Amino acid sequence: MKSLILIFLLIISCKESKAENAYKKTSPVSYKEKLKINTKGLSSKKDVFSRWKGNYCTNFTITRSSEDYELSYDIKIVRQDRVLISEKINGENNNLSGLFIKSVSKNQLVIKSTIDDTLEYIISEIDGKCYIRGFTIYMLNPPNDRYPINKIRTLILYSVIIIHLNHM
């Protein structure tokens, strides 16, 4: 079982390297330099950032020009320089790449792209509830500028895995 977990971690690290290499080929500014520029000052906010780490999901429907669109977002906040967003519109998947945390505070987390400057997602907490916002969300259906999003609680799963590994 331990070797299976090590293989899984090795596969994940290989995929990260491929994403970095793909970015290096398409950008005049190196991947590491771009992250260094845009994450400046975030290390002092590690405590604030740690509360935002995790998985988020939302589903909602919008109507435009007498047509309904089913939207779904799965967001995984791994590190300040590694954010994964899977967007699904009417069943068609779009995995966004080159995402990073531009700024973080107690009330909101701003996600930007190293590839597309217009891409912006904000996860914010307003009156104890989480919302997905930002320019990209607003452009889906103006004047609506936010939709509820749920943080998926995974603490129990991690505890079970750790307990299982300790008994091996």
N, C-alpha and C. Protein backbone atom coordinates (compact mmCIF):
# COMPACT_ATOMS: atom_id res chain seq x y z
N MET A 1 0.82 -1.19 0.00
CA MET A 1 0.00 0.00 0.00
C MET A 1 0.87 1.26 0.00
N LYS A 2 1.97 1.23 0.79
CA LYS A 2 2.85 2.39 0.83
C LYS A 2 3.47 2.64 -0.53
N SER A 3 3.85 1.58 -1.24
CA SER A 3 4.45 1.76 -2.56
C SER A 3 3.43 2.33 -3.54
N LEU A 4 2.16 1.98 -3.38
CA LEU A 4 1.10 2.52 -4.23
C LEU A 4 0.95 4.02 -4.04
N ILE A 5 1.04 4.47 -2.80
CA ILE A 5 0.95 5.90 -2.51
C ILE A 5 2.16 6.63 -3.08
N LEU A 6 3.34 6.05 -2.95
CA LEU A 6 4.55 6.67 -3.51
C LEU A 6 4.46 6.78 -5.02
N ILE A 7 3.94 5.78 -5.69
CA ILE A 7 3.77 5.82 -7.14
C ILE A 7 2.80 6.94 -7.51
N PHE A 8 1.70 7.06 -6.77
CA PHE A 8 0.72 8.12 -7.01
C PHE A 8 1.36 9.50 -6.87
N LEU A 9 2.16 9.70 -5.82
CA LEU A 9 2.82 10.98 -5.61
C LEU A 9 3.83 11.27 -6.72
N LEU A 10 4.52 10.25 -7.20
CA LEU A 10 5.47 10.40 -8.29
C LEU A 10 4.75 10.82 -9.57
N ILE A 11 3.60 10.23 -9.84
CA ILE A 11 2.82 10.59 -11.03
C ILE A 11 2.38 12.04 -10.96
N ILE A 12 1.91 12.48 -9.79
CA ILE A 12 1.48 13.87 -9.62
C ILE A 12 2.63 14.83 -9.86
N SER A 13 3.82 14.53 -9.33
CA SER A 13 4.96 15.43 -9.52
C SER A 13 5.40 15.47 -10.98
N CYS A 14 5.24 14.37 -11.71
CA CYS A 14 5.57 14.36 -13.13
C CYS A 14 4.61 15.25 -13.91
N LYS A 15 3.32 15.21 -13.56
CA LYS A 15 2.33 16.06 -14.23
C LYS A 15 2.62 17.52 -13.98
N GLU A 16 3.06 17.87 -12.78
CA GLU A 16 3.40 19.26 -12.49
C GLU A 16 4.54 19.72 -13.36
N SER A 17 5.56 18.88 -13.55
CA SER A 17 6.70 19.23 -14.37
C SER A 17 6.28 19.45 -15.82
N LYS A 18 5.35 18.62 -16.34
CA LYS A 18 4.86 18.79 -17.70
C LYS A 18 4.14 20.12 -17.85
N ALA A 19 3.35 20.52 -16.85
CA ALA A 19 2.64 21.80 -16.92
C ALA A 19 3.63 22.96 -16.93
N GLU A 20 4.69 22.87 -16.12
CA GLU A 20 5.70 23.91 -16.11
C GLU A 20 6.39 23.99 -17.47
N ASN A 21 6.74 22.84 -18.06
CA ASN A 21 7.40 22.83 -19.36
C ASN A 21 6.51 23.39 -20.45
N ALA A 22 5.22 23.08 -20.42
CA ALA A 22 4.28 23.61 -21.41
C ALA A 22 4.21 25.12 -21.30
N TYR A 23 4.22 25.65 -20.08
CA TYR A 23 4.17 27.10 -19.90
C TYR A 23 5.45 27.74 -20.41
N LYS A 24 6.61 27.11 -20.14
CA LYS A 24 7.89 27.66 -20.56
C LYS A 24 7.95 27.83 -22.07
N LYS A 25 7.32 26.92 -22.81
CA LYS A 25 7.35 26.98 -24.27
C LYS A 25 6.49 28.11 -24.82
N THR A 26 5.46 28.54 -24.10
CA THR A 26 4.52 29.52 -24.63
C THR A 26 4.70 30.93 -24.07
N SER A 27 5.59 31.13 -23.12
CA SER A 27 5.70 32.43 -22.48
C SER A 27 7.12 32.98 -22.55
N PRO A 28 7.27 34.27 -22.86
CA PRO A 28 8.60 34.87 -22.86
C PRO A 28 9.17 35.03 -21.45
N VAL A 29 8.30 35.13 -20.44
CA VAL A 29 8.74 35.21 -19.05
C VAL A 29 8.68 33.80 -18.48
N SER A 30 9.75 33.41 -17.77
CA SER A 30 9.78 32.04 -17.26
C SER A 30 8.69 31.81 -16.22
N TYR A 31 8.30 30.55 -16.11
CA TYR A 31 7.25 30.14 -15.18
C TYR A 31 7.61 30.56 -13.76
N LYS A 32 8.82 30.29 -13.32
CA LYS A 32 9.26 30.62 -11.96
C LYS A 32 9.28 32.13 -11.75
N GLU A 33 9.74 32.91 -12.76
CA GLU A 33 9.77 34.37 -12.62
C GLU A 33 8.36 34.93 -12.48
N LYS A 34 7.43 34.44 -13.28
CA LYS A 34 6.05 34.93 -13.23
C LYS A 34 5.46 34.69 -11.84
N LEU A 35 5.68 33.50 -11.30
CA LEU A 35 5.15 33.18 -9.97
C LEU A 35 5.81 34.04 -8.90
N LYS A 36 7.11 34.27 -9.05
CA LYS A 36 7.83 35.08 -8.08
C LYS A 36 7.29 36.51 -8.07
N ILE A 37 7.01 37.06 -9.23
CA ILE A 37 6.47 38.42 -9.34
C ILE A 37 5.09 38.50 -8.69
N ASN A 38 4.23 37.55 -9.01
CA ASN A 38 2.82 37.65 -8.61
C ASN A 38 2.51 37.11 -7.23
N THR A 39 3.40 36.37 -6.62
CA THR A 39 3.14 35.87 -5.27
C THR A 39 3.97 36.62 -4.23
N LYS A 40 4.58 37.71 -4.64
CA LYS A 40 5.40 38.51 -3.73
C LYS A 40 4.59 38.94 -2.51
N GLY A 41 5.13 38.71 -1.33
CA GLY A 41 4.47 39.13 -0.10
C GLY A 41 3.48 38.13 0.46
N LEU A 42 3.23 37.04 -0.24
CA LEU A 42 2.24 36.08 0.26
C LEU A 42 2.79 35.19 1.36
N SER A 43 4.11 34.99 1.40
CA SER A 43 4.66 34.07 2.40
C SER A 43 4.37 34.53 3.82
N SER A 44 4.24 35.84 4.04
CA SER A 44 3.92 36.33 5.38
C SER A 44 2.46 36.07 5.75
N LYS A 45 1.66 35.64 4.80
CA LYS A 45 0.25 35.40 5.04
C LYS A 45 -0.08 33.90 4.99
N LYS A 46 0.88 33.05 5.36
CA LYS A 46 0.65 31.61 5.28
C LYS A 46 -0.54 31.16 6.12
N ASP A 47 -0.70 31.75 7.30
CA ASP A 47 -1.83 31.36 8.15
C ASP A 47 -3.16 31.68 7.49
N VAL A 48 -3.23 32.84 6.86
CA VAL A 48 -4.45 33.24 6.17
C VAL A 48 -4.68 32.32 4.97
N PHE A 49 -3.62 32.02 4.22
CA PHE A 49 -3.75 31.17 3.04
C PHE A 49 -4.21 29.76 3.41
N SER A 50 -3.71 29.21 4.50
CA SER A 50 -4.03 27.83 4.86
C SER A 50 -5.53 27.62 5.07
N ARG A 51 -6.26 28.64 5.48
CA ARG A 51 -7.71 28.49 5.66
C ARG A 51 -8.43 28.34 4.33
N TRP A 52 -7.81 28.78 3.23
CA TRP A 52 -8.44 28.70 1.91
C TRP A 52 -8.08 27.41 1.18
N LYS A 53 -7.03 26.72 1.62
CA LYS A 53 -6.63 25.48 0.94
C LYS A 53 -7.77 24.47 0.98
N GLY A 54 -7.91 23.70 -0.11
CA GLY A 54 -8.93 22.68 -0.15
C GLY A 54 -9.66 22.64 -1.47
N ASN A 55 -10.78 21.95 -1.48
CA ASN A 55 -11.58 21.76 -2.69
C ASN A 55 -12.90 22.49 -2.56
N TYR A 56 -13.32 23.11 -3.65
CA TYR A 56 -14.57 23.86 -3.70
C TYR A 56 -15.36 23.39 -4.92
N CYS A 57 -16.67 23.44 -4.82
CA CYS A 57 -17.50 23.09 -5.98
C CYS A 57 -18.78 23.91 -5.97
N THR A 58 -19.30 24.14 -7.17
CA THR A 58 -20.56 24.84 -7.33
C THR A 58 -21.21 24.43 -8.64
N ASN A 59 -22.52 24.48 -8.66
CA ASN A 59 -23.33 24.23 -9.86
C ASN A 59 -24.41 25.30 -9.90
N PHE A 60 -24.62 25.89 -11.06
CA PHE A 60 -25.70 26.85 -11.20
C PHE A 60 -26.13 26.94 -12.66
N THR A 61 -27.29 27.50 -12.87
CA THR A 61 -27.86 27.65 -14.21
C THR A 61 -28.05 29.12 -14.50
N ILE A 62 -27.68 29.52 -15.71
CA ILE A 62 -27.95 30.89 -16.14
C ILE A 62 -28.76 30.84 -17.43
N THR A 63 -29.55 31.88 -17.67
CA THR A 63 -30.34 31.97 -18.90
C THR A 63 -29.89 33.20 -19.67
N ARG A 64 -29.52 32.96 -20.92
CA ARG A 64 -29.12 34.05 -21.81
C ARG A 64 -29.77 33.84 -23.16
N SER A 65 -30.40 34.85 -23.67
CA SER A 65 -31.05 34.80 -24.99
C SER A 65 -31.96 33.58 -25.12
N SER A 66 -32.80 33.40 -24.15
CA SER A 66 -33.77 32.30 -24.09
C SER A 66 -33.15 30.91 -24.12
N GLU A 67 -31.88 30.79 -23.76
CA GLU A 67 -31.22 29.48 -23.67
C GLU A 67 -30.62 29.33 -22.27
N ASP A 68 -30.79 28.13 -21.69
CA ASP A 68 -30.24 27.85 -20.37
C ASP A 68 -28.85 27.22 -20.50
N TYR A 69 -27.97 27.61 -19.58
CA TYR A 69 -26.62 27.05 -19.53
C TYR A 69 -26.41 26.47 -18.13
N GLU A 70 -26.00 25.22 -18.09
CA GLU A 70 -25.66 24.55 -16.83
C GLU A 70 -24.16 24.71 -16.63
N LEU A 71 -23.75 25.33 -15.52
CA LEU A 71 -22.35 25.54 -15.23
C LEU A 71 -21.95 24.81 -13.96
N SER A 72 -20.74 24.32 -13.98
CA SER A 72 -20.20 23.60 -12.83
C SER A 72 -18.72 23.95 -12.70
N TYR A 73 -18.30 24.25 -11.50
CA TYR A 73 -16.89 24.55 -11.24
C TYR A 73 -16.38 23.65 -10.11
N ASP A 74 -15.24 23.03 -10.34
CA ASP A 74 -14.52 22.31 -9.31
C ASP A 74 -13.17 23.00 -9.18
N ILE A 75 -12.87 23.50 -7.99
CA ILE A 75 -11.65 24.26 -7.75
C ILE A 75 -10.86 23.56 -6.66
N LYS A 76 -9.57 23.38 -6.93
CA LYS A 76 -8.69 22.77 -5.94
C LYS A 76 -7.54 23.73 -5.67
N ILE A 77 -7.48 24.23 -4.43
CA ILE A 77 -6.42 25.13 -4.00
C ILE A 77 -5.36 24.26 -3.33
N VAL A 78 -4.22 24.07 -3.98
CA VAL A 78 -3.16 23.21 -3.48
C VAL A 78 -2.08 24.04 -2.80
N ARG A 79 -1.52 24.97 -3.56
CA ARG A 79 -0.47 25.88 -3.07
C ARG A 79 -0.74 27.25 -3.68
N GLN A 80 0.04 28.21 -3.28
CA GLN A 80 -0.14 29.55 -3.83
C GLN A 80 0.19 29.60 -5.31
N ASP A 81 1.04 28.71 -5.77
CA ASP A 81 1.39 28.68 -7.18
C ASP A 81 0.76 27.50 -7.92
N ARG A 82 -0.19 26.84 -7.29
CA ARG A 82 -0.84 25.68 -7.93
C ARG A 82 -2.33 25.66 -7.58
N VAL A 83 -3.14 26.08 -8.54
CA VAL A 83 -4.59 26.09 -8.41
C VAL A 83 -5.16 25.38 -9.62
N LEU A 84 -6.07 24.45 -9.38
CA LEU A 84 -6.68 23.70 -10.47
C LEU A 84 -8.16 24.04 -10.54
N ILE A 85 -8.62 24.42 -11.73
CA ILE A 85 -10.04 24.71 -11.93
C ILE A 85 -10.53 23.90 -13.11
N SER A 86 -11.60 23.15 -12.87
CA SER A 86 -12.29 22.43 -13.92
C SER A 86 -13.65 23.08 -14.10
N GLU A 87 -13.87 23.61 -15.29
CA GLU A 87 -15.11 24.31 -15.61
C GLU A 87 -15.91 23.43 -16.57
N LYS A 88 -17.18 23.27 -16.29
CA LYS A 88 -18.04 22.48 -17.15
C LYS A 88 -19.25 23.33 -17.54
N ILE A 89 -19.42 23.54 -18.85
CA ILE A 89 -20.56 24.30 -19.36
C ILE A 89 -21.36 23.38 -20.27
N ASN A 90 -22.61 23.13 -19.86
CA ASN A 90 -23.49 22.20 -20.59
C ASN A 90 -22.79 20.87 -20.90
N GLY A 91 -22.08 20.34 -19.92
CA GLY A 91 -21.45 19.04 -20.05
C GLY A 91 -20.09 19.05 -20.73
N GLU A 92 -19.63 20.18 -21.24
CA GLU A 92 -18.33 20.25 -21.92
C GLU A 92 -17.27 20.71 -20.92
N ASN A 93 -16.25 19.86 -20.70
CA ASN A 93 -15.20 20.15 -19.72
C ASN A 93 -14.14 21.10 -20.28
N ASN A 94 -13.64 21.95 -19.40
CA ASN A 94 -12.53 22.83 -19.72
C ASN A 94 -11.65 22.91 -18.48
N ASN A 95 -10.46 22.34 -18.55
CA ASN A 95 -9.52 22.39 -17.43
C ASN A 95 -8.59 23.58 -17.64
N LEU A 96 -8.62 24.52 -16.70
CA LEU A 96 -7.81 25.73 -16.80
C LEU A 96 -6.43 25.47 -16.24
N SER A 97 -5.40 26.02 -16.89
CA SER A 97 -4.03 25.80 -16.42
C SER A 97 -3.32 27.14 -16.22
N GLY A 98 -2.17 27.09 -15.59
CA GLY A 98 -1.37 28.28 -15.35
C GLY A 98 -1.98 29.22 -14.32
N LEU A 99 -2.69 28.67 -13.34
CA LEU A 99 -3.38 29.50 -12.34
C LEU A 99 -2.54 29.64 -11.07
N PHE A 100 -2.65 30.80 -10.43
CA PHE A 100 -1.93 31.06 -9.19
C PHE A 100 -2.76 32.01 -8.32
N ILE A 101 -2.37 32.10 -7.05
CA ILE A 101 -3.04 33.01 -6.12
C ILE A 101 -2.36 34.37 -6.21
N LYS A 102 -3.10 35.37 -6.66
CA LYS A 102 -2.54 36.72 -6.77
C LYS A 102 -2.55 37.43 -5.43
N SER A 103 -3.64 37.28 -4.69
CA SER A 103 -3.69 37.89 -3.35
C SER A 103 -4.59 37.06 -2.46
N VAL A 104 -4.33 37.17 -1.18
CA VAL A 104 -5.10 36.42 -0.20
C VAL A 104 -5.32 37.30 1.03
N SER A 105 -6.52 37.23 1.56
CA SER A 105 -6.84 37.94 2.80
C SER A 105 -7.80 37.07 3.59
N LYS A 106 -8.20 37.55 4.72
CA LYS A 106 -9.12 36.81 5.58
C LYS A 106 -10.46 36.57 4.87
N ASN A 107 -10.89 37.53 4.03
CA ASN A 107 -12.21 37.46 3.41
C ASN A 107 -12.24 37.03 1.95
N GLN A 108 -11.08 37.01 1.27
CA GLN A 108 -11.11 36.60 -0.12
C GLN A 108 -9.77 36.12 -0.63
N LEU A 109 -9.87 35.34 -1.70
CA LEU A 109 -8.72 34.75 -2.38
C LEU A 109 -8.87 35.08 -3.86
N VAL A 110 -7.86 35.72 -4.46
CA VAL A 110 -7.93 36.11 -5.86
C VAL A 110 -7.05 35.17 -6.68
N ILE A 111 -7.66 34.53 -7.67
CA ILE A 111 -6.97 33.58 -8.54
C ILE A 111 -6.83 34.21 -9.92
N LYS A 112 -5.61 34.22 -10.44
CA LYS A 112 -5.33 34.77 -11.77
C LYS A 112 -4.61 33.72 -12.60
N SER A 113 -4.37 34.05 -13.87
CA SER A 113 -3.73 33.14 -14.80
C SER A 113 -2.40 33.72 -15.28
N THR A 114 -1.40 32.85 -15.43
CA THR A 114 -0.12 33.28 -15.99
C THR A 114 -0.21 33.37 -17.51
N ILE A 115 -1.26 32.81 -18.09
CA ILE A 115 -1.41 32.75 -19.54
C ILE A 115 -2.38 33.81 -20.06
N ASP A 116 -3.48 34.05 -19.35
CA ASP A 116 -4.54 34.96 -19.79
C ASP A 116 -4.79 36.00 -18.70
N ASP A 117 -4.39 37.26 -18.96
CA ASP A 117 -4.52 38.32 -17.96
C ASP A 117 -5.96 38.67 -17.62
N THR A 118 -6.91 38.34 -18.50
CA THR A 118 -8.32 38.69 -18.24
C THR A 118 -9.01 37.67 -17.33
N LEU A 119 -8.40 36.52 -17.15
CA LEU A 119 -9.00 35.47 -16.33
C LEU A 119 -8.84 35.84 -14.85
N GLU A 120 -9.97 35.89 -14.14
CA GLU A 120 -9.94 36.21 -12.71
C GLU A 120 -11.10 35.52 -12.00
N TYR A 121 -10.76 34.76 -10.98
CA TYR A 121 -11.75 34.15 -10.11
C TYR A 121 -11.46 34.62 -8.69
N ILE A 122 -12.51 34.90 -7.95
CA ILE A 122 -12.37 35.29 -6.55
C ILE A 122 -13.27 34.39 -5.73
N ILE A 123 -12.69 33.79 -4.70
CA ILE A 123 -13.50 33.06 -3.73
C ILE A 123 -13.55 33.96 -2.50
N SER A 124 -14.76 34.32 -2.10
CA SER A 124 -14.87 35.23 -0.97
C SER A 124 -15.86 34.70 0.04
N GLU A 125 -15.70 35.20 1.25
CA GLU A 125 -16.62 34.85 2.32
C GLU A 125 -17.37 36.12 2.71
N ILE A 126 -18.69 36.05 2.56
CA ILE A 126 -19.55 37.18 2.87
C ILE A 126 -20.63 36.69 3.83
N ASP A 127 -20.69 37.28 5.00
CA ASP A 127 -21.67 36.88 6.03
C ASP A 127 -21.64 35.38 6.31
N GLY A 128 -20.43 34.81 6.38
CA GLY A 128 -20.28 33.40 6.72
C GLY A 128 -20.53 32.42 5.58
N LYS A 129 -20.83 32.91 4.38
CA LYS A 129 -21.07 32.03 3.23
C LYS A 129 -20.01 32.29 2.17
N CYS A 130 -19.61 31.21 1.46
CA CYS A 130 -18.60 31.33 0.40
C CYS A 130 -19.27 31.58 -0.95
N TYR A 131 -18.62 32.43 -1.76
CA TYR A 131 -19.10 32.75 -3.09
C TYR A 131 -17.95 32.71 -4.08
N ILE A 132 -18.28 32.38 -5.34
CA ILE A 132 -17.32 32.52 -6.42
C ILE A 132 -17.70 33.80 -7.15
N ARG A 133 -16.70 34.65 -7.40
CA ARG A 133 -16.90 35.95 -8.01
C ARG A 133 -15.77 36.23 -8.98
N GLY A 134 -15.62 37.47 -9.35
CA GLY A 134 -14.53 37.90 -10.20
C GLY A 134 -15.00 38.25 -11.60
N PHE A 135 -14.10 38.82 -12.37
CA PHE A 135 -14.42 39.29 -13.72
C PHE A 135 -14.95 38.16 -14.60
N THR A 136 -14.33 37.00 -14.55
CA THR A 136 -14.74 35.87 -15.38
C THR A 136 -16.17 35.44 -15.05
N ILE A 137 -16.51 35.39 -13.79
CA ILE A 137 -17.86 35.01 -13.36
C ILE A 137 -18.86 36.09 -13.75
N TYR A 138 -18.51 37.34 -13.54
CA TYR A 138 -19.41 38.44 -13.89
C TYR A 138 -19.77 38.41 -15.37
N MET A 139 -18.80 38.13 -16.23
CA MET A 139 -19.02 38.14 -17.68
C MET A 139 -19.93 37.00 -18.15
N LEU A 140 -20.14 36.00 -17.32
CA LEU A 140 -21.05 34.91 -17.69
C LEU A 140 -22.49 35.39 -17.81
N ASN A 141 -22.90 36.28 -16.89
CA ASN A 141 -24.30 36.67 -16.84
C ASN A 141 -24.47 38.02 -16.11
N PRO A 142 -23.97 39.12 -16.71
CA PRO A 142 -24.12 40.41 -16.03
C PRO A 142 -25.58 40.72 -15.79
N PRO A 143 -25.98 41.34 -14.74
CA PRO A 143 -25.22 41.98 -13.68
C PRO A 143 -24.93 41.05 -12.49
N ASN A 144 -25.21 39.76 -12.61
CA ASN A 144 -24.93 38.83 -11.51
C ASN A 144 -23.42 38.70 -11.35
N ASP A 145 -22.94 38.98 -10.16
CA ASP A 145 -21.50 38.99 -9.96
C ASP A 145 -20.99 37.95 -8.96
N ARG A 146 -21.89 37.12 -8.45
CA ARG A 146 -21.43 36.08 -7.52
C ARG A 146 -22.44 34.95 -7.45
N TYR A 147 -21.91 33.75 -7.17
CA TYR A 147 -22.73 32.55 -7.03
C TYR A 147 -22.21 31.78 -5.82
N PRO A 148 -23.09 31.12 -5.07
CA PRO A 148 -22.63 30.34 -3.90
C PRO A 148 -21.70 29.21 -4.32
N ILE A 149 -20.71 28.95 -3.49
CA ILE A 149 -19.77 27.85 -3.71
C ILE A 149 -19.58 27.14 -2.37
N ASN A 150 -19.39 25.84 -2.42
CA ASN A 150 -19.23 25.04 -1.21
C ASN A 150 -17.80 24.54 -1.08
N LYS A 151 -17.28 24.63 0.13
CA LYS A 151 -15.97 24.04 0.40
C LYS A 151 -16.22 22.60 0.83
N ILE A 152 -15.53 21.68 0.19
CA ILE A 152 -15.69 20.26 0.49
C ILE A 152 -14.80 19.93 1.67
N ARG A 153 -15.37 19.38 2.69
CA ARG A 153 -14.62 18.99 3.90
C ARG A 153 -14.00 17.62 3.68
N THR A 154 -12.66 17.56 3.81
CA THR A 154 -11.96 16.29 3.56
C THR A 154 -11.13 15.83 4.75
N LEU A 155 -11.27 16.45 5.89
CA LEU A 155 -10.48 16.09 7.06
C LEU A 155 -10.67 14.63 7.46
N ILE A 156 -11.87 14.13 7.43
CA ILE A 156 -12.14 12.76 7.85
C ILE A 156 -11.42 11.77 6.94
N LEU A 157 -11.43 12.00 5.65
CA LEU A 157 -10.77 11.12 4.71
C LEU A 157 -9.28 11.05 4.98
N TYR A 158 -8.63 12.21 5.21
CA TYR A 158 -7.20 12.21 5.50
C TYR A 158 -6.90 11.46 6.79
N SER A 159 -7.73 11.61 7.79
CA SER A 159 -7.52 10.93 9.06
C SER A 159 -7.59 9.41 8.88
N VAL A 160 -8.54 8.93 8.09
CA VAL A 160 -8.67 7.50 7.85
C VAL A 160 -7.45 6.96 7.12
N ILE A 161 -6.93 7.70 6.15
CA ILE A 161 -5.74 7.25 5.41
C ILE A 161 -4.54 7.19 6.34
N ILE A 162 -4.35 8.20 7.17
CA ILE A 162 -3.21 8.21 8.09
C ILE A 162 -3.32 7.06 9.09
N ILE A 163 -4.50 6.83 9.63
CA ILE A 163 -4.68 5.72 10.58
C ILE A 163 -4.39 4.39 9.88
N HIS A 164 -4.87 4.23 8.66
CA HIS A 164 -4.64 2.99 7.90
C HIS A 164 -3.15 2.77 7.65
N LEU A 165 -2.41 3.82 7.30
CA LEU A 165 -0.98 3.68 7.04
C LEU A 165 -0.21 3.34 8.30
N ASN A 166 -0.65 3.88 9.44
CA ASN A 166 0.04 3.59 10.69
C ASN A 166 -0.15 2.14 11.15
N HIS A 167 -1.20 1.50 10.70
CA HIS A 167 -1.45 0.11 11.10
C HIS A 167 -0.84 -0.89 10.13
N MET A 168 -0.12 -0.43 9.14
CA MET A 168 0.49 -1.35 8.15
C MET A 168 1.84 -1.84 8.60
